[in-house]
Amino acid sequence: MTTNNIINQISSAFSLSEEAAQTAVLLLEARARTLDFTFDEYIQRYHPDGIAKRDENLSDQFQGYVRFLGDDATVVLNAGKGANFNTFVHECAHVFRRQLVGELREQAEKAFKIENGIWTREKEEQFANGLEHWIKRSRGKDRTRENVYNKGKSFINNVYQGMDLIVDIDNRMETVYERLFEDKTNIFNQKEYEKTVKEITEGKLPEKTHIFLGMIPRIYEELGFQRLPMTITGKHLYTTLRANDGKFESANYHELGEEIIRQLPEQLKKPLCIVQSSERETDIVSIIGLTDRNRKTIIIPIAQHQKGNFNGAEIDVNLVRSLYGKDGFENWLINAIEDNKLLYINKKKTEPNLAGGLELPPKLYQHIQTRSIRLPDGFPHSLTASPTTDVFGFLSNNITRYKETVKKNFPERFPSSEEKILFKKTANTINIQTQNIEKQLDLARKVGYIQGVCECVAALGDNYTLGKKLLSEMNVNKDMAQKYANPETYKKLEQGIFAQNQEQKVEQTQGVRR
């Protein structure tokens, strides 16, 4: 699906101008980058059936809804007759919320006071309404995104009237929304990784307890893995690379060497085969196209839903338990195939007599030929391709059994499938049935008070001394002004009294007077 096709889908479904639809795509591209996806990969992953559709039969009381296709964030955005740019942002927010994993998910759950990891319909709507309002008011910290935010603001309709103007976003929520579009913690840096590998080669232990190998590759998501950071402990990276130097008495050293360990992040993206572990039923074992110094095929056991230290916080990770050359590899793999534990095979790299392939022994492939091989949704493929010409092969029945095993062990990570979240919004109001009216009134009074003070200070012009005194006596600070004042009013203050050089000038003037 080309970018132009996506723009046309969004424009047609949500009744947007071409420029507004292009801005919608810019927001999605920013989101994709924080997940370490290209835009094409993002669309394939989360919108395999198309990004948006028009539902002419939708009741007029609803502007749109999201229809999740499975038990993750795979989705189609649906728009009603009254849909607009707000509707697009609102529906995307429900998708972004389901994309939250690891430390950012934990941060969001604290910000929105989520109990036991369960997002109620009220909280889902609070998150979505908050994103609309954040884009409407946002300045963002990443200046490379400024153009996207400014365009987004211009297309967010001023549909809030009266008390419904107020969407209370505290600093923790602000941070969550910012990280949806600006977070760089999930972007893998090969040079930094190679620096760590070099240090281990020289006998130094990594400073970090867990080494980042990149976000989980797409191929493992097809097996049910969440898009979490993939890590390996510093200890295991050390013992797989080096010969036994006695630093860890009870550890198994594998002496794979610097060159093989350097390739680990890339090799994880292109396994020859993946099988379900016979030792830990929720783990998988990835077989890569490399061998150790004894010519034994290297395998990589991987566990999902583990805890690891990443960027200074303990979060959920997909953990590489180790990697090593497997003794008795052929018999081990044949047993896995016969036990219906083979989940995936890269046929281009394993089929006998295929030019350029890294062949497994022919007798292994004989055990695979009669099994059901399919290509996953979202992967480029031909619907008419035969099993022997498909590059990727996923064994549907085995994967289904494996996913059920994972769900049984981690039920809290799987929301209900085929869920719809309807967006009920009239032309003039946001209808949140569970809003606390008294809280709205208090917040409205606070906003009116702060806006009034800020307007008075802005009207003082260059009289910064009097302006600072007024702000101090009225107990209004910069953070409060940024959060509650009208954006135009705050901009005047930001360029004037809140500017660093002006604060310094005031302090210098006061110092002279003393």
Protein backbone atom coordinates (compact mmCIF):
# COMPACT_ATOMS: atom_id res chain seq x y z
CA MET A 1 0.00 0.00 0.00
CA THR A 2 1.59 3.30 -1.08
CA THR A 3 1.61 6.47 0.98
CA ASN A 4 -0.71 8.12 -1.56
CA ASN A 5 -3.19 5.25 -1.15
CA ILE A 6 -3.10 5.72 2.61
CA ILE A 7 -3.64 9.47 2.27
CA ASN A 8 -6.59 8.84 -0.03
CA GLN A 9 -8.12 6.29 2.39
CA ILE A 10 -7.86 8.69 5.30
CA SER A 11 -9.15 11.63 3.28
CA SER A 12 -12.14 9.69 1.96
CA ALA A 13 -13.11 8.05 5.25
CA PHE A 14 -12.76 11.09 7.52
CA SER A 15 -13.82 13.78 4.99
CA LEU A 16 -10.46 15.53 5.16
CA SER A 17 -8.69 17.82 2.74
CA GLU A 18 -5.55 16.43 1.14
CA GLU A 19 -3.39 18.62 3.39
CA ALA A 20 -5.20 17.41 6.53
CA ALA A 21 -4.82 13.78 5.42
CA GLN A 22 -1.11 14.36 4.79
CA THR A 23 -0.81 15.77 8.31
CA ALA A 24 -2.52 12.64 9.63
CA VAL A 25 0.13 10.55 7.88
CA LEU A 26 2.89 12.72 9.37
CA LEU A 27 1.58 11.90 12.84
CA LEU A 28 1.61 8.18 12.02
CA GLU A 29 5.13 8.43 10.61
CA ALA A 30 6.30 10.08 13.85
CA ARG A 31 4.66 7.30 15.84
CA ALA A 32 6.27 4.63 13.64
CA ARG A 33 9.75 6.05 14.23
CA THR A 34 9.42 5.81 18.01
CA LEU A 35 8.61 2.10 17.58
CA ASP A 36 11.69 1.67 15.33
CA PHE A 37 9.46 0.90 12.33
CA THR A 38 9.58 2.33 8.85
CA PHE A 39 6.21 3.75 7.85
CA ASP A 40 5.57 0.78 5.54
CA GLU A 41 6.39 -1.65 8.35
CA TYR A 42 4.06 0.21 10.70
CA ILE A 43 1.15 0.01 8.26
CA GLN A 44 1.79 -3.68 7.55
CA ARG A 45 1.96 -4.41 11.27
CA TYR A 46 -1.07 -2.52 12.55
CA HIS A 47 -3.28 -1.97 9.48
CA PRO A 48 -2.97 -5.08 7.27
CA ASP A 49 -6.63 -4.80 6.13
CA GLY A 50 -6.35 -1.12 5.28
CA ILE A 51 -6.09 1.87 7.56
CA ALA A 52 -9.54 3.47 7.33
CA LYS A 53 -13.05 2.82 6.07
CA ARG A 54 -16.25 4.82 5.85
CA ASP A 55 -19.28 3.36 7.65
CA GLU A 56 -22.35 5.01 6.16
CA ASN A 57 -24.61 2.91 8.40
CA LEU A 58 -23.11 4.23 11.62
CA SER A 59 -25.62 6.08 13.82
CA ASP A 60 -25.36 9.87 13.66
CA GLN A 61 -24.61 9.98 17.40
CA PHE A 62 -21.21 8.43 16.68
CA GLN A 63 -18.43 9.98 14.63
CA GLY A 64 -16.32 6.85 14.36
CA TYR A 65 -14.94 3.75 16.02
CA VAL A 66 -11.99 1.40 16.01
CA ARG A 67 -12.40 -2.30 15.24
CA PHE A 68 -9.52 -4.35 16.58
CA LEU A 69 -8.85 -7.42 14.44
CA GLY A 70 -7.20 -9.55 17.10
CA ASP A 71 -5.88 -9.49 20.61
CA ASP A 72 -3.30 -6.77 19.98
CA ALA A 73 -3.29 -3.35 18.28
CA THR A 74 -4.07 -4.59 14.76
CA VAL A 75 -6.99 -2.43 13.71
CA VAL A 76 -9.19 -0.72 11.12
CA LEU A 77 -10.26 2.88 11.76
CA ASN A 78 -13.92 3.41 10.91
CA ALA A 79 -15.46 6.82 10.28
CA GLY A 80 -19.08 7.96 10.37
CA LYS A 81 -20.75 10.71 8.38
CA GLY A 82 -19.70 13.41 10.85
CA ALA A 83 -16.04 12.37 11.07
CA ASN A 84 -13.26 14.96 10.97
CA PHE A 85 -9.59 15.37 11.93
CA ASN A 86 -10.50 15.16 15.62
CA THR A 87 -12.11 11.80 14.97
CA PHE A 88 -8.97 10.51 13.26
CA VAL A 89 -6.76 11.57 16.20
CA HIS A 90 -9.24 10.13 18.71
CA GLU A 91 -9.42 6.74 17.02
CA CYS A 92 -5.64 6.58 16.56
CA ALA A 93 -5.27 7.27 20.28
CA HIS A 94 -7.05 3.98 21.04
CA VAL A 95 -4.52 2.21 18.80
CA PHE A 96 -1.56 4.03 20.36
CA ARG A 97 -2.83 3.08 23.81
CA ARG A 98 -2.75 -0.60 22.91
CA GLN A 99 0.74 -0.18 21.50
CA LEU A 100 2.03 0.85 24.92
CA VAL A 101 4.41 -1.73 26.31
CA GLY A 102 7.16 -1.96 28.86
CA GLU A 103 8.19 1.10 30.83
CA LEU A 104 6.00 3.50 28.83
CA ARG A 105 2.95 1.37 29.52
CA GLU A 106 3.75 1.39 33.24
CA GLN A 107 4.21 5.15 33.11
CA ALA A 108 0.84 5.60 31.38
CA GLU A 109 -0.93 3.33 33.87
CA LYS A 110 0.39 5.44 36.73
CA ALA A 111 -0.56 8.68 35.00
CA PHE A 112 -4.12 7.52 34.30
CA LYS A 113 -4.51 5.66 37.62
CA ILE A 114 -5.07 2.25 36.02
CA GLU A 115 -5.72 -0.55 38.49
CA ASN A 116 -4.40 -4.08 37.88
CA GLY A 117 -3.51 -3.23 34.28
CA ILE A 118 -7.19 -3.01 33.24
CA TRP A 119 -8.17 -0.05 31.05
CA THR A 120 -11.88 0.62 31.52
CA ARG A 121 -13.94 2.30 28.80
CA GLU A 122 -13.83 5.51 30.84
CA LYS A 123 -10.03 5.44 30.97
CA GLU A 124 -9.77 4.60 27.26
CA GLU A 125 -11.85 7.68 26.47
CA GLN A 126 -9.84 9.81 28.88
CA PHE A 127 -6.63 8.77 27.09
CA ALA A 128 -8.11 9.48 23.63
CA ASN A 129 -9.68 12.81 24.57
CA GLY A 130 -6.43 13.81 26.22
CA LEU A 131 -4.43 13.16 23.04
CA GLU A 132 -6.82 15.36 21.04
CA HIS A 133 -6.36 18.18 23.51
CA TRP A 134 -2.59 17.62 23.75
CA ILE A 135 -2.17 17.98 19.98
CA LYS A 136 -4.38 21.06 20.03
CA ARG A 137 -2.16 22.73 22.65
CA SER A 138 1.15 20.91 22.26
CA ARG A 139 4.51 22.54 21.73
CA GLY A 140 6.50 19.35 22.14
CA LYS A 141 10.17 19.18 23.05
CA ASP A 142 11.49 17.82 19.75
CA ARG A 143 11.79 20.76 17.34
CA THR A 144 11.99 18.41 14.37
CA ARG A 145 8.34 17.57 15.09
CA GLU A 146 7.23 21.21 15.44
CA ASN A 147 5.84 21.43 11.92
CA VAL A 148 3.76 18.29 12.49
CA TYR A 149 2.34 19.63 15.75
CA ASN A 150 1.53 23.03 14.25
CA LYS A 151 -0.32 21.44 11.36
CA GLY A 152 -2.13 19.12 13.74
CA LYS A 153 -3.29 22.09 15.83
CA SER A 154 -4.66 23.84 12.76
CA PHE A 155 -6.84 20.85 11.86
CA ILE A 156 -8.10 20.05 15.37
CA ASN A 157 -11.58 21.58 15.30
CA ASN A 158 -12.62 23.81 18.16
CA VAL A 159 -15.49 21.54 19.18
CA TYR A 160 -15.15 22.05 22.91
CA GLN A 161 -17.86 24.31 24.31
CA GLY A 162 -18.53 25.50 27.85
CA MET A 163 -17.34 23.06 30.51
CA ASP A 164 -16.42 20.54 27.84
CA LEU A 165 -13.43 22.71 26.96
CA ILE A 166 -11.57 21.23 29.92
CA VAL A 167 -9.49 18.11 29.46
CA ASP A 168 -7.27 17.89 32.52
CA ILE A 169 -3.78 16.75 31.47
CA ASP A 170 -1.16 16.65 34.22
CA ASN A 171 2.59 16.56 33.71
CA ARG A 172 2.76 12.76 33.76
CA MET A 173 0.15 12.53 31.00
CA GLU A 174 2.02 15.20 29.02
CA THR A 175 5.14 13.03 29.16
CA VAL A 176 3.28 9.96 27.92
CA TYR A 177 1.84 11.86 24.94
CA GLU A 178 5.22 13.38 24.11
CA ARG A 179 6.87 9.97 24.13
CA LEU A 180 4.29 8.61 21.67
CA PHE A 181 5.89 10.81 19.00
CA GLU A 182 9.33 11.75 20.31
CA ASP A 183 10.70 8.77 22.26
CA LYS A 184 14.04 7.52 20.94
CA THR A 185 14.77 4.91 23.59
CA ASN A 186 13.56 2.05 21.38
CA ILE A 187 15.81 2.89 18.43
CA PHE A 188 18.73 0.46 18.24
CA ASN A 189 22.28 1.77 17.79
CA GLN A 190 24.61 -0.84 16.32
CA LYS A 191 27.73 1.23 17.03
CA GLU A 192 26.93 1.41 20.74
CA TYR A 193 26.30 -2.34 20.78
CA GLU A 194 29.61 -3.05 19.02
CA LYS A 195 31.39 -0.87 21.55
CA THR A 196 30.02 -3.12 24.32
CA VAL A 197 31.09 -6.25 22.39
CA LYS A 198 34.59 -4.82 22.00
CA GLU A 199 34.85 -4.18 25.73
CA ILE A 200 33.81 -7.76 26.48
CA THR A 201 36.43 -9.03 24.02
CA GLU A 202 38.98 -7.11 26.09
CA GLY A 203 37.76 -8.81 29.27
CA LYS A 204 35.59 -5.99 30.65
CA LEU A 205 32.17 -6.72 32.11
CA PRO A 206 29.35 -4.54 30.67
CA GLU A 207 28.20 -1.74 32.94
CA LYS A 208 24.56 -2.43 32.08
CA THR A 209 22.84 -5.52 33.47
CA HIS A 210 20.84 -5.94 30.22
CA ILE A 211 22.16 -5.19 26.73
CA PHE A 212 19.66 -3.82 24.18
CA LEU A 213 19.50 -5.83 20.92
CA GLY A 214 16.72 -3.80 19.28
CA MET A 215 12.95 -4.06 19.36
CA ILE A 216 11.58 -7.55 18.77
CA PRO A 217 11.75 -8.24 15.01
CA ARG A 218 8.45 -8.40 13.14
CA ILE A 219 8.81 -12.11 12.44
CA TYR A 220 8.46 -12.95 16.16
CA GLU A 221 5.39 -10.73 16.53
CA GLU A 222 3.69 -13.07 14.08
CA LEU A 223 4.20 -15.78 16.69
CA GLY A 224 2.53 -13.69 19.39
CA PHE A 225 5.46 -11.80 20.88
CA GLN A 226 4.72 -8.24 22.00
CA ARG A 227 6.75 -5.42 20.53
CA LEU A 228 9.08 -5.10 23.49
CA PRO A 229 12.83 -4.47 23.68
CA MET A 230 14.89 -7.59 23.04
CA THR A 231 17.75 -7.89 25.51
CA ILE A 232 20.44 -10.24 26.77
CA THR A 233 22.05 -10.00 30.19
CA GLY A 234 25.58 -8.65 30.34
CA LYS A 235 26.68 -11.87 32.01
CA HIS A 236 25.34 -14.08 29.22
CA LEU A 237 26.81 -11.87 26.52
CA TYR A 238 30.16 -12.19 28.27
CA THR A 239 30.03 -15.98 28.65
CA THR A 240 28.82 -16.63 25.10
CA LEU A 241 31.58 -14.52 23.58
CA ARG A 242 34.57 -15.57 25.68
CA ALA A 243 36.38 -18.74 26.72
CA ASN A 244 36.19 -19.71 30.37
CA ASP A 245 38.27 -17.21 32.32
CA GLY A 246 36.88 -18.15 35.72
CA LYS A 247 34.95 -14.91 36.22
CA PHE A 248 31.67 -16.81 36.59
CA GLU A 249 32.26 -20.17 38.28
CA SER A 250 28.92 -21.86 37.54
CA ALA A 251 28.42 -20.43 34.05
CA ASN A 252 28.66 -22.24 30.71
CA TYR A 253 31.15 -20.51 28.42
CA HIS A 254 30.62 -20.92 24.65
CA GLU A 255 33.53 -18.95 23.11
CA LEU A 256 31.60 -17.85 20.03
CA GLY A 257 33.94 -14.93 19.47
CA GLU A 258 33.54 -11.25 18.70
CA GLU A 259 32.48 -11.58 15.05
CA ILE A 260 29.49 -13.86 15.73
CA ILE A 261 28.31 -11.84 18.74
CA ARG A 262 28.62 -8.64 16.70
CA GLN A 263 26.12 -10.09 14.21
CA LEU A 264 23.59 -11.17 16.86
CA PRO A 265 21.03 -8.30 16.45
CA GLU A 266 20.94 -8.75 12.66
CA GLN A 267 20.86 -12.56 12.81
CA LEU A 268 17.82 -12.42 15.09
CA LYS A 269 15.92 -10.71 12.26
CA LYS A 270 16.47 -13.54 9.77
CA PRO A 271 16.28 -16.96 11.46
CA LEU A 272 16.37 -20.16 9.41
CA CYS A 273 13.79 -21.81 11.67
CA ILE A 274 11.92 -21.10 14.88
CA VAL A 275 10.67 -23.88 17.16
CA GLN A 276 8.75 -23.93 20.41
CA SER A 277 11.00 -24.83 23.31
CA SER A 278 10.50 -28.29 24.79
CA GLU A 279 11.97 -27.17 28.11
CA ARG A 280 9.93 -23.97 28.69
CA GLU A 281 6.66 -24.10 26.78
CA THR A 282 6.29 -20.30 26.40
CA ASP A 283 9.86 -19.89 25.06
CA ILE A 284 10.97 -20.27 21.47
CA VAL A 285 14.31 -21.26 19.98
CA SER A 286 15.61 -19.37 16.97
CA ILE A 287 18.01 -21.19 14.63
CA ILE A 288 20.39 -18.90 12.76
CA GLY A 289 22.63 -19.43 9.75
CA LEU A 290 25.90 -19.43 11.68
CA THR A 291 27.99 -22.18 13.26
CA ASP A 292 30.45 -22.21 16.14
CA ARG A 293 34.14 -23.10 15.89
CA ASN A 294 33.18 -26.82 15.98
CA ARG A 295 30.78 -26.39 13.03
CA LYS A 296 27.71 -26.85 15.22
CA THR A 297 24.60 -24.88 14.24
CA ILE A 298 23.94 -21.98 16.62
CA ILE A 299 20.57 -21.75 18.36
CA ILE A 300 19.14 -18.87 20.42
CA PRO A 301 16.56 -19.57 23.18
CA ILE A 302 14.24 -16.56 23.64
CA ALA A 303 11.73 -15.90 26.42
CA GLN A 304 8.87 -13.41 26.32
CA HIS A 305 7.32 -11.37 29.16
CA GLN A 306 10.49 -11.27 31.25
CA LYS A 307 11.78 -8.45 33.46
CA GLY A 308 14.90 -6.54 32.55
CA ASN A 309 16.66 -3.26 33.31
CA PHE A 310 16.36 -0.91 30.36
CA ASN A 311 17.24 2.81 30.39
CA GLY A 312 17.38 2.80 34.17
CA ALA A 313 14.00 1.15 34.78
CA GLU A 314 12.79 -2.41 35.29
CA ILE A 315 10.42 -3.21 32.43
CA ASP A 316 8.97 -6.11 30.43
CA VAL A 317 11.41 -7.42 27.82
CA ASN A 318 11.85 -10.29 25.41
CA LEU A 319 14.96 -11.98 26.77
CA VAL A 320 17.65 -13.83 24.81
CA ARG A 321 18.60 -16.49 27.35
CA SER A 322 21.81 -17.52 25.59
CA LEU A 323 23.22 -18.64 22.23
CA TYR A 324 25.45 -21.60 21.50
CA GLY A 325 26.26 -24.41 19.07
CA LYS A 326 23.74 -27.22 19.57
CA ASP A 327 24.96 -30.77 20.15
CA GLY A 328 22.92 -33.37 18.23
CA PHE A 329 21.24 -30.61 16.24
CA GLU A 330 19.69 -32.79 13.52
CA ASN A 331 17.96 -35.19 15.89
CA TRP A 332 16.86 -32.32 18.11
CA LEU A 333 15.21 -30.53 15.19
CA ILE A 334 13.60 -33.71 13.81
CA ASN A 335 12.07 -34.35 17.24
CA ALA A 336 10.74 -30.77 17.33
CA ILE A 337 9.15 -31.19 13.91
CA GLU A 338 7.57 -34.53 14.81
CA ASP A 339 6.24 -33.01 18.08
CA ASN A 340 4.57 -30.21 16.05
CA LYS A 341 6.79 -27.57 17.61
CA LEU A 342 8.15 -26.13 14.36
CA LEU A 343 6.62 -22.64 14.06
CA TYR A 344 8.49 -21.05 11.17
CA ILE A 345 10.95 -21.91 8.43
CA ASN A 346 12.72 -19.64 5.94
CA LYS A 347 12.36 -21.89 2.94
CA LYS A 348 14.62 -19.85 0.71
CA LYS A 349 17.51 -20.44 3.08
CA THR A 350 16.81 -24.07 3.91
CA GLU A 351 15.38 -25.82 0.85
CA PRO A 352 17.85 -28.36 -0.57
CA ASN A 353 19.48 -27.54 -3.91
CA LEU A 354 18.18 -23.94 -3.89
CA ALA A 355 20.93 -21.68 -5.18
CA GLY A 356 22.22 -19.29 -2.53
CA GLY A 357 20.53 -21.10 0.31
CA LEU A 358 22.17 -22.08 3.57
CA GLU A 359 20.96 -25.65 3.50
CA LEU A 360 19.85 -27.77 6.39
CA PRO A 361 20.38 -31.51 5.84
CA PRO A 362 17.87 -32.88 3.25
CA LYS A 363 16.41 -35.41 5.70
CA LEU A 364 15.28 -32.50 7.89
CA TYR A 365 13.40 -30.86 5.05
CA GLN A 366 11.61 -34.12 4.30
CA HIS A 367 9.82 -33.76 7.63
CA ILE A 368 8.58 -30.29 6.69
CA GLN A 369 7.26 -30.68 3.15
CA THR A 370 3.90 -32.22 4.05
CA ARG A 371 3.02 -29.62 6.68
CA SER A 372 0.83 -26.57 6.18
CA ILE A 373 2.97 -23.55 5.28
CA ARG A 374 1.46 -20.09 5.03
CA LEU A 375 2.55 -16.47 4.84
CA PRO A 376 1.50 -14.02 7.57
CA ASP A 377 -0.83 -11.10 7.05
CA GLY A 378 1.13 -7.95 6.38
CA PHE A 379 4.12 -9.65 4.73
CA PRO A 380 4.69 -9.03 1.02
CA HIS A 381 3.66 -12.17 -0.79
CA SER A 382 1.76 -13.62 -3.72
CA LEU A 383 -1.62 -15.16 -3.04
CA THR A 384 -0.97 -17.70 -5.77
CA ALA A 385 2.52 -18.70 -4.69
CA SER A 386 3.04 -22.40 -4.10
CA PRO A 387 4.47 -23.78 -0.83
CA THR A 388 7.86 -24.50 -2.42
CA THR A 389 8.30 -20.96 -3.80
CA ASP A 390 7.17 -18.96 -0.76
CA VAL A 391 10.11 -17.36 1.00
CA PHE A 392 8.50 -17.35 4.44
CA GLY A 393 6.68 -20.27 5.96
CA PHE A 394 4.60 -20.17 9.12
CA LEU A 395 2.92 -23.33 10.37
CA SER A 396 -0.57 -22.14 11.32
CA ASN A 397 -1.73 -25.00 13.52
CA ASN A 398 1.48 -25.13 15.52
CA ILE A 399 1.45 -21.36 16.01
CA THR A 400 -2.16 -21.44 17.21
CA ARG A 401 -1.29 -24.04 19.84
CA TYR A 402 1.77 -22.05 20.90
CA LYS A 403 -0.23 -18.81 21.23
CA GLU A 404 -2.83 -20.55 23.38
CA THR A 405 -0.04 -21.75 25.66
CA VAL A 406 1.27 -18.20 25.99
CA LYS A 407 -2.22 -16.81 26.69
CA LYS A 408 -2.72 -19.40 29.41
CA ASN A 409 0.49 -18.30 31.10
CA PHE A 410 0.14 -14.53 30.53
CA PRO A 411 -3.63 -13.81 30.40
CA GLU A 412 -3.22 -10.20 31.53
CA ARG A 413 -1.38 -9.31 28.31
CA PHE A 414 -4.24 -10.24 25.98
CA PRO A 415 -7.24 -7.88 25.64
CA SER A 416 -10.41 -9.22 24.04
CA SER A 417 -10.30 -9.58 20.27
CA GLU A 418 -12.70 -8.06 17.74
CA GLU A 419 -13.35 -5.23 20.22
CA LYS A 420 -15.06 -2.03 19.10
CA ILE A 421 -14.58 1.32 20.82
CA LEU A 422 -17.19 3.81 19.65
CA PHE A 423 -16.46 7.53 19.60
CA LYS A 424 -19.60 9.37 20.67
CA LYS A 425 -19.15 13.04 19.96
CA THR A 426 -21.68 15.63 18.75
CA ALA A 427 -20.74 18.71 16.77
CA ASN A 428 -20.33 20.80 19.92
CA THR A 429 -19.53 18.54 22.88
CA ILE A 430 -17.42 15.67 24.07
CA ASN A 431 -19.84 13.30 25.74
CA ILE A 432 -18.02 11.62 28.61
CA GLN A 433 -20.76 10.11 30.71
CA THR A 434 -18.55 9.48 33.71
CA GLN A 435 -17.24 13.07 34.08
CA ASN A 436 -17.39 14.49 37.55
CA ILE A 437 -19.25 17.79 37.17
CA GLU A 438 -17.96 19.23 40.43
CA LYS A 439 -14.39 18.54 39.39
CA GLN A 440 -15.04 20.23 36.05
CA LEU A 441 -16.37 23.33 37.76
CA ASP A 442 -13.35 23.58 40.05
CA LEU A 443 -11.00 23.12 37.14
CA ALA A 444 -12.89 25.68 35.04
CA ARG A 445 -12.59 28.25 37.83
CA LYS A 446 -8.87 27.54 38.05
CA VAL A 447 -8.38 27.91 34.30
CA GLY A 448 -10.37 31.15 34.22
CA TYR A 449 -8.37 32.54 37.12
CA ILE A 450 -4.98 31.67 35.60
CA GLN A 451 -6.00 32.95 32.16
CA GLY A 452 -7.12 36.25 33.70
CA VAL A 453 -3.85 36.70 35.57
CA CYS A 454 -1.80 35.84 32.46
CA GLU A 455 -3.76 38.31 30.32
CA CYS A 456 -3.10 41.07 32.87
CA VAL A 457 0.63 40.28 32.91
CA ALA A 458 0.78 40.18 29.11
CA ALA A 459 -0.93 43.58 28.98
CA LEU A 460 1.88 45.08 31.10
CA GLY A 461 4.24 44.71 28.17
CA ASP A 462 7.88 45.34 29.12
CA ASN A 463 7.19 46.06 32.78
CA TYR A 464 8.72 42.76 33.89
CA THR A 465 9.21 43.83 37.51
CA LEU A 466 5.52 44.50 38.01
CA GLY A 467 4.64 41.40 36.02
CA LYS A 468 6.76 39.15 38.23
CA LYS A 469 5.25 40.72 41.33
CA LEU A 470 1.72 40.13 40.03
CA LEU A 471 2.46 36.48 39.19
CA SER A 472 4.02 35.94 42.61
CA GLU A 473 1.15 37.51 44.55
CA MET A 474 -1.42 35.60 42.51
CA ASN A 475 0.50 32.31 42.98
CA VAL A 476 0.77 31.63 39.25
CA ASN A 477 4.00 30.11 37.91
CA LYS A 478 5.29 29.30 34.44
CA ASP A 479 4.14 25.65 34.51
CA MET A 480 0.59 26.67 35.45
CA ALA A 481 0.51 29.29 32.71
CA GLN A 482 1.76 26.82 30.11
CA LYS A 483 -0.82 24.25 31.15
CA TYR A 484 -3.93 26.39 31.54
CA ALA A 485 -3.50 29.72 29.73
CA ASN A 486 -4.62 30.30 26.17
CA PRO A 487 -1.72 29.31 23.84
CA GLU A 488 -1.56 32.82 22.31
CA THR A 489 -1.41 34.42 25.76
CA TYR A 490 1.26 32.01 26.94
CA LYS A 491 3.32 32.65 23.80
CA LYS A 492 3.47 36.36 24.67
CA LEU A 493 4.63 35.54 28.19
CA GLU A 494 7.14 33.00 26.92
CA GLN A 495 8.70 35.61 24.65
CA GLY A 496 8.61 38.21 27.41
CA ILE A 497 8.57 37.69 31.14
CA PHE A 498 9.33 33.95 31.00
CA ALA A 499 12.31 34.41 28.69
CA GLN A 500 15.55 33.58 30.49
CA ASN A 501 17.32 36.77 29.48
CA GLN A 502 14.47 38.89 30.76
CA GLU A 503 14.52 37.14 34.12
CA GLN A 504 18.23 37.90 34.31
CA LYS A 505 17.67 41.56 33.42
CA VAL A 506 15.06 41.93 36.16
CA GLU A 507 17.39 40.36 38.71
CA GLN A 508 20.23 42.66 37.62
CA THR A 509 17.99 45.75 37.85
CA GLN A 510 16.79 44.78 41.31
CA GLY A 511 20.40 44.23 42.38
CA VAL A 512 21.38 47.77 41.26
CA ARG A 513 18.44 49.31 43.15
CA ARG A 514 19.50 47.58 46.35
